[in-house]
C-alpha atoms as a PDB file:
ATOM      1  CA  MET A   1       0.000   0.000   0.000  1.00  0.00           C
ATOM      2  CA  PHE A   2       2.740   2.446   0.984  1.00  0.00           C
ATOM      3  CA  ASN A   3       4.707   1.641  -2.199  1.00  0.00           C
ATOM      4  CA  ARG A   4       1.693   2.436  -4.389  1.00  0.00           C
ATOM      5  CA  LEU A   5       1.213   5.748  -2.602  1.00  0.00           C
ATOM      6  CA  LEU A   6       4.887   6.575  -3.021  1.00  0.00           C
ATOM      7  CA  ILE A   7       4.777   5.758  -6.752  1.00  0.00           C
ATOM      8  CA  ALA A   8       1.620   7.871  -7.181  1.00  0.00           C
ATOM      9  CA  PHE A   9       3.275  10.778  -5.347  1.00  0.00           C
ATOM     10  CA  GLN A  10       6.390  10.506  -7.526  1.00  0.00           C
ATOM     11  CA  GLY A  11       4.213  10.596 -10.653  1.00  0.00           C
ATOM     12  CA  MET A  12       2.365  13.687  -9.443  1.00  0.00           C
ATOM     13  CA  TRP A  13       5.667  15.363  -8.541  1.00  0.00           C
ATOM     14  CA  ARG A  14       7.131  14.615 -11.993  1.00  0.00           C
ATOM     15  CA  THR A  15       4.016  16.029 -13.688  1.00  0.00           C
ATOM     16  CA  PHE A  16       4.142  19.153 -11.515  1.00  0.00           C
ATOM     17  CA  TRP A  17       7.856  19.638 -12.185  1.00  0.00           C
ATOM     18  CA  ARG A  18       7.467  19.240 -15.969  1.00  0.00           C
ATOM     19  CA  LYS A  19       4.625  21.792 -16.065  1.00  0.00           C
ATOM     20  CA  ARG A  20       6.682  24.209 -14.018  1.00  0.00           C
ATOM     21  CA  GLN A  21       9.734  23.671 -16.217  1.00  0.00           C
ATOM     22  CA  ARG A  22       7.708  24.264 -19.424  1.00  0.00           C
ATOM     23  CA  ALA A  23       6.125  27.430 -17.996  1.00  0.00           C
ATOM     24  CA  TYR A  24       9.535  28.792 -16.973  1.00  0.00           C
ATOM     25  CA  LEU A  25      11.030  27.893 -20.351  1.00  0.00           C
ATOM     26  CA  ARG A  26       8.142  29.493 -22.274  1.00  0.00           C
ATOM     27  CA  ARG A  27       8.809  32.802 -20.517  1.00  0.00           C
ATOM     28  CA  ARG A  28      12.495  32.705 -21.430  1.00  0.00           C
ATOM     29  CA  LEU A  29      12.259  31.509 -25.065  1.00  0.00           C
ATOM     30  CA  LYS A  30      12.281  34.109 -27.815  1.00  0.00           C
ATOM     31  CA  SER A  31       8.999  32.554 -29.020  1.00  0.00           C
ATOM     32  CA  CYS A  32       7.093  29.346 -28.384  1.00  0.00           C
ATOM     33  CA  GLY A  33       3.906  27.899 -29.865  1.00  0.00           C
ATOM     34  CA  ALA A  34       1.321  25.770 -28.104  1.00  0.00           C
ATOM     35  CA  ASP A  35       1.857  22.193 -26.887  1.00  0.00           C
ATOM     36  CA  LEU A  36       5.561  22.109 -25.968  1.00  0.00           C
ATOM     37  CA  TYR A  37       6.724  18.807 -24.442  1.00  0.00           C
ATOM     38  CA  ILE A  38      10.084  18.524 -22.694  1.00  0.00           C
ATOM     39  CA  GLY A  39      11.298  15.113 -21.496  1.00  0.00           C
ATOM     40  CA  ASP A  40      13.495  14.387 -18.492  1.00  0.00           C
ATOM     41  CA  ARG A  41      17.027  15.820 -18.276  1.00  0.00           C
ATOM     42  CA  VAL A  42      16.564  18.075 -21.340  1.00  0.00           C
ATOM     43  CA  GLN A  43      18.969  21.038 -21.387  1.00  0.00           C
ATOM     44  CA  ILE A  44      18.111  24.248 -23.208  1.00  0.00           C
ATOM     45  CA  LEU A  45      20.829  26.903 -22.986  1.00  0.00           C
ATOM     46  CA  GLY A  46      20.455  30.406 -24.400  1.00  0.00           C
ATOM     47  CA  PRO A  47      16.650  30.264 -24.604  1.00  0.00           C
ATOM     48  CA  GLU A  48      16.447  33.963 -25.514  1.00  0.00           C
ATOM     49  CA  HIS A  49      17.913  32.959 -28.933  1.00  0.00           C
ATOM     50  CA  ILE A  50      15.591  29.977 -29.484  1.00  0.00           C
ATOM     51  CA  GLU A  51      12.193  29.854 -31.232  1.00  0.00           C
ATOM     52  CA  PHE A  52       9.816  26.854 -31.133  1.00  0.00           C
ATOM     53  CA  GLY A  53       6.697  26.402 -33.242  1.00  0.00           C
ATOM     54  CA  CYS A  54       3.541  24.544 -32.170  1.00  0.00           C
ATOM     55  CA  ASN A  55       3.546  20.897 -31.114  1.00  0.00           C
ATOM     56  CA  VAL A  56       7.302  20.621 -30.449  1.00  0.00           C
ATOM     57  CA  ARG A  57       8.427  17.544 -28.526  1.00  0.00           C
ATOM     58  CA  PHE A  58      11.824  16.624 -27.094  1.00  0.00           C
ATOM     59  CA  ALA A  59      12.377  13.167 -25.607  1.00  0.00           C
ATOM     60  CA  ASP A  60      14.680  12.567 -22.632  1.00  0.00           C
ATOM     61  CA  ASP A  61      18.315  13.724 -22.537  1.00  0.00           C
ATOM     62  CA  CYS A  62      18.187  16.193 -25.467  1.00  0.00           C
ATOM     63  CA  LYS A  63      20.347  19.332 -25.590  1.00  0.00           C
ATOM     64  CA  VAL A  64      19.543  22.523 -27.491  1.00  0.00           C
ATOM     65  CA  LEU A  65      22.314  25.089 -27.167  1.00  0.00           C
ATOM     66  CA  ALA A  66      22.469  28.644 -28.509  1.00  0.00           C
ATOM     67  CA  GLN A  67      25.854  29.940 -27.392  1.00  0.00           C
ATOM     68  CA  GLY A  68      27.790  33.040 -28.387  1.00  0.00           C
ATOM     69  CA  CYS A  69      27.028  36.579 -29.547  1.00  0.00           C
ATOM     70  CA  SER A  70      23.826  36.172 -31.536  1.00  0.00           C
ATOM     71  CA  PRO A  71      23.097  32.526 -32.384  1.00  0.00           C
ATOM     72  CA  ARG A  72      19.621  31.421 -33.466  1.00  0.00           C
ATOM     73  CA  VAL A  73      17.822  28.099 -33.255  1.00  0.00           C
ATOM     74  CA  ILE A  74      14.459  28.052 -35.013  1.00  0.00           C
ATOM     75  CA  ILE A  75      12.280  24.926 -34.958  1.00  0.00           C
ATOM     76  CA  GLY A  76       8.994  24.773 -36.878  1.00  0.00           C
ATOM     77  CA  ASP A  77       5.664  23.122 -36.062  1.00  0.00           C
ATOM     78  CA  ASN A  78       5.107  19.391 -35.414  1.00  0.00           C
ATOM     79  CA  PHE A  79       8.721  18.617 -34.493  1.00  0.00           C
ATOM     80  CA  ARG A  80       9.816  15.321 -32.899  1.00  0.00           C
ATOM     81  CA  GLY A  81      13.288  15.103 -31.368  1.00  0.00           C
ATOM     82  CA  ASN A  82      14.114  11.669 -30.018  1.00  0.00           C
ATOM     83  CA  SER A  83      16.395  10.908 -27.062  1.00  0.00           C
ATOM     84  CA  ASN A  84      19.914  12.279 -26.856  1.00  0.00           C
ATOM     85  CA  LEU A  85      19.458  14.769 -29.727  1.00  0.00           C
ATOM     86  CA  PHE A  86      22.185  17.466 -29.721  1.00  0.00           C
ATOM     87  CA  ILE A  87      21.581  20.804 -31.478  1.00  0.00           C
ATOM     88  CA  CYS A  88      24.246  23.492 -31.087  1.00  0.00           C
ATOM     89  CA  ALA A  89      24.384  26.939 -32.723  1.00  0.00           C
ATOM     90  CA  GLY A  90      27.378  29.013 -31.764  1.00  0.00           C
ATOM     91  CA  GLU A  91      28.579  32.605 -32.166  1.00  0.00           C
ATOM     92  CA  SER A  92      26.296  34.143 -34.825  1.00  0.00           C
ATOM     93  CA  GLU A  93      25.104  31.050 -36.707  1.00  0.00           C
ATOM     94  CA  THR A  94      21.516  30.014 -37.332  1.00  0.00           C
ATOM     95  CA  ILE A  95      20.130  26.492 -37.231  1.00  0.00           C
ATOM     96  CA  LYS A  96      16.704  26.463 -38.841  1.00  0.00           C
ATOM     97  CA  ILE A  97      14.586  23.297 -38.781  1.00  0.00           C
ATOM     98  CA  GLY A  98      11.318  23.261 -40.718  1.00  0.00           C
ATOM     99  CA  SER A  99       7.919  21.821 -39.859  1.00  0.00           C
ATOM    100  CA  ASN A 100       6.955  18.125 -39.640  1.00  0.00           C
ATOM    101  CA  VAL A 101      10.540  17.017 -38.979  1.00  0.00           C
ATOM    102  CA  MET A 102      11.403  13.734 -37.241  1.00  0.00           C
ATOM    103  CA  ILE A 103      14.814  13.223 -35.680  1.00  0.00           C
ATOM    104  CA  ALA A 104      15.858   9.806 -34.376  1.00  0.00           C
ATOM    105  CA  PRO A 105      18.046   9.147 -31.293  1.00  0.00           C
ATOM    106  CA  ASN A 106      21.651  10.335 -30.969  1.00  0.00           C
ATOM    107  CA  VAL A 107      21.603  12.834 -33.855  1.00  0.00           C
ATOM    108  CA  VAL A 108      24.107  15.726 -33.798  1.00  0.00           C
ATOM    109  CA  ILE A 109      23.369  19.044 -35.537  1.00  0.00           C
ATOM    110  CA  ARG A 110      26.268  21.436 -34.995  1.00  0.00           C
ATOM    111  CA  SER A 111      26.971  24.712 -36.797  1.00  0.00           C
ATOM    112  CA  ALA A 112      30.724  24.758 -36.064  1.00  0.00           C
ATOM    113  CA  ASN A 113      33.649  22.408 -36.665  1.00  0.00           C
ATOM    114  CA  HIS A 114      37.235  22.618 -35.409  1.00  0.00           C
ATOM    115  CA  ARG A 115      39.850  23.907 -37.864  1.00  0.00           C
ATOM    116  CA  SER A 116      42.739  21.618 -38.696  1.00  0.00           C
ATOM    117  CA  ASP A 117      44.422  23.307 -41.695  1.00  0.00           C
ATOM    118  CA  SER A 118      47.531  24.654 -39.915  1.00  0.00           C
ATOM    119  CA  LEU A 119      50.187  22.052 -39.126  1.00  0.00           C
ATOM    120  CA  ASP A 120      52.308  24.372 -36.960  1.00  0.00           C
ATOM    121  CA  LYS A 121      49.554  24.944 -34.351  1.00  0.00           C
ATOM    122  CA  PRO A 122      47.676  22.485 -32.182  1.00  0.00           C
ATOM    123  CA  MET A 123      44.126  21.972 -33.455  1.00  0.00           C
ATOM    124  CA  LEU A 124      42.826  23.184 -30.106  1.00  0.00           C
ATOM    125  CA  GLU A 125      44.260  26.653 -30.854  1.00  0.00           C
ATOM    126  CA  GLN A 126      43.076  26.952 -34.475  1.00  0.00           C
ATOM    127  CA  GLY A 127      39.523  28.075 -33.805  1.00  0.00           C
ATOM    128  CA  ASN A 128      36.376  26.977 -35.612  1.00  0.00           C
ATOM    129  CA  ILE A 129      34.827  26.966 -39.043  1.00  0.00           C
ATOM    130  CA  SER A 130      31.183  27.850 -38.690  1.00  0.00           C
ATOM    131  CA  ALA A 131      28.143  28.291 -40.934  1.00  0.00           C
ATOM    132  CA  ASP A 132      24.355  28.146 -40.837  1.00  0.00           C
ATOM    133  CA  ILE A 133      22.383  24.900 -41.128  1.00  0.00           C
ATOM    134  CA  HIS A 134      18.963  24.713 -42.792  1.00  0.00           C
ATOM    135  CA  ILE A 135      16.746  21.630 -42.586  1.00  0.00           C
ATOM    136  CA  GLY A 136      13.579  21.793 -44.688  1.00  0.00           C
ATOM    137  CA  ASP A 137      10.023  20.648 -44.042  1.00  0.00           C
ATOM    138  CA  ASP A 138       9.015  16.967 -43.791  1.00  0.00           C
ATOM    139  CA  VAL A 139      12.568  15.695 -43.222  1.00  0.00           C
ATOM    140  CA  TRP A 140      13.549  12.511 -41.396  1.00  0.00           C
ATOM    141  CA  LEU A 141      17.025  12.226 -39.839  1.00  0.00           C
ATOM    142  CA  GLY A 142      17.949   8.639 -38.931  1.00  0.00           C
ATOM    143  CA  ALA A 143      19.636   7.487 -35.733  1.00  0.00           C
ATOM    144  CA  ASN A 144      23.227   8.594 -35.116  1.00  0.00           C
ATOM    145  CA  ALA A 145      23.295  10.974 -38.112  1.00  0.00           C
ATOM    146  CA  VAL A 146      25.607  13.995 -37.978  1.00  0.00           C
ATOM    147  CA  ILE A 147      24.741  17.259 -39.750  1.00  0.00           C
ATOM    148  CA  THR A 148      27.783  19.522 -40.158  1.00  0.00           C
ATOM    149  CA  ALA A 149      28.154  23.288 -40.544  1.00  0.00           C
ATOM    150  CA  GLY A 150      26.985  24.922 -43.758  1.00  0.00           C
ATOM    151  CA  VAL A 151      24.625  22.135 -44.833  1.00  0.00           C
ATOM    152  CA  THR A 152      21.142  22.610 -46.285  1.00  0.00           C
ATOM    153  CA  ILE A 153      18.794  19.613 -46.317  1.00  0.00           C
ATOM    154  CA  GLY A 154      15.912  20.082 -48.741  1.00  0.00           C
ATOM    155  CA  ASP A 155      12.230  19.449 -48.077  1.00  0.00           C
ATOM    156  CA  HIS A 156      11.016  15.814 -47.899  1.00  0.00           C
ATOM    157  CA  ALA A 157      14.571  14.381 -47.689  1.00  0.00           C
ATOM    158  CA  ILE A 158      15.673  11.374 -45.627  1.00  0.00           C
ATOM    159  CA  VAL A 159      19.100  11.049 -43.992  1.00  0.00           C
ATOM    160  CA  GLY A 160      19.937   7.416 -43.231  1.00  0.00           C
ATOM    161  CA  ALA A 161      21.099   6.109 -39.883  1.00  0.00           C
ATOM    162  CA  GLY A 162      24.759   6.800 -39.155  1.00  0.00           C
ATOM    163  CA  ALA A 163      25.199   9.212 -42.079  1.00  0.00           C
ATOM    164  CA  VAL A 164      27.586  12.159 -41.830  1.00  0.00           C
ATOM    165  CA  VAL A 165      26.171  14.965 -43.965  1.00  0.00           C
ATOM    166  CA  THR A 166      28.919  17.307 -45.195  1.00  0.00           C
ATOM    167  CA  GLN A 167      27.215  18.613 -48.373  1.00  0.00           C
ATOM    168  CA  ASP A 168      23.753  19.875 -49.253  1.00  0.00           C
ATOM    169  CA  VAL A 169      20.945  17.351 -49.736  1.00  0.00           C
ATOM    170  CA  LYS A 170      18.394  18.073 -52.463  1.00  0.00           C
ATOM    171  CA  PRO A 171      14.658  17.880 -51.824  1.00  0.00           C
ATOM    172  CA  TYR A 172      13.260  14.308 -51.867  1.00  0.00           C
ATOM    173  CA  ASP A 173      16.761  12.722 -51.824  1.00  0.00           C
ATOM    174  CA  ILE A 174      17.620   9.782 -49.583  1.00  0.00           C
ATOM    175  CA  VAL A 175      21.254   9.911 -48.440  1.00  0.00           C
ATOM    176  CA  GLY A 176      23.423   7.612 -46.365  1.00  0.00           C
ATOM    177  CA  GLY A 177      27.023   6.743 -45.575  1.00  0.00           C
ATOM    178  CA  VAL A 178      30.173   8.522 -44.429  1.00  0.00           C
ATOM    179  CA  PRO A 179      30.329  11.019 -45.994  1.00  0.00           C
ATOM    180  CA  ALA A 180      26.668  10.932 -47.027  1.00  0.00           C
ATOM    181  CA  LYS A 181      25.942  10.205 -50.678  1.00  0.00           C
ATOM    182  CA  VAL A 182      22.665  10.029 -52.577  1.00  0.00           C
ATOM    183  CA  ILE A 183      21.134   6.542 -52.488  1.00  0.00           C
ATOM    184  CA  ARG A 184      18.070   7.446 -54.524  1.00  0.00           C
ATOM    185  CA  SER A 185      15.306  10.003 -54.833  1.00  0.00           C
ATOM    186  CA  ARG A 186      11.945   9.539 -53.144  1.00  0.00           C
ATOM    187  CA  LEU A 187      10.413  10.633 -56.471  1.00  0.00           C
ATOM    188  CA  GLN A 188      11.656   7.441 -58.166  1.00  0.00           C
ATOM    189  CA  ARG A 189       9.222   4.537 -58.031  1.00  0.00           C
END
């Protein structure tokens, strides 16, 4: 009997805490549509630079970071981010994700990469190469995919599991591999 009461209390506490967390986050975000869901242990840093559309959902352990002078993270309506998603916009870059986008677990979307072109300096001291990332509407990013700086993924595209996207993906293309290459177009039957 006591165990059931304890479990019920823990459930009520978790519900209360999530509602409080969402309300606090809504006040701090640059903009936020209706029906925001935030899972457990989700970190959102720099919320004043982040915009969420309606019906945005983050599963447990996701991180959305907007760090630097004037970064921007913009996520459209009907977004699904699965567990351990990592989105990071730094300095003055923009990461824009369209509407009706699904992102599988362990995906990394990062607008900066470390430089490595100078051989007389340690890579740690060479700074970053950074650029905006644009992900269109109705896109599916498979598990463990990595989206690098400067990439645009067109509407209705699919990025296969484990792909590392270093170049633009055209609308309706299905890409996979390291580095990602076109497998076929969704328009082909």
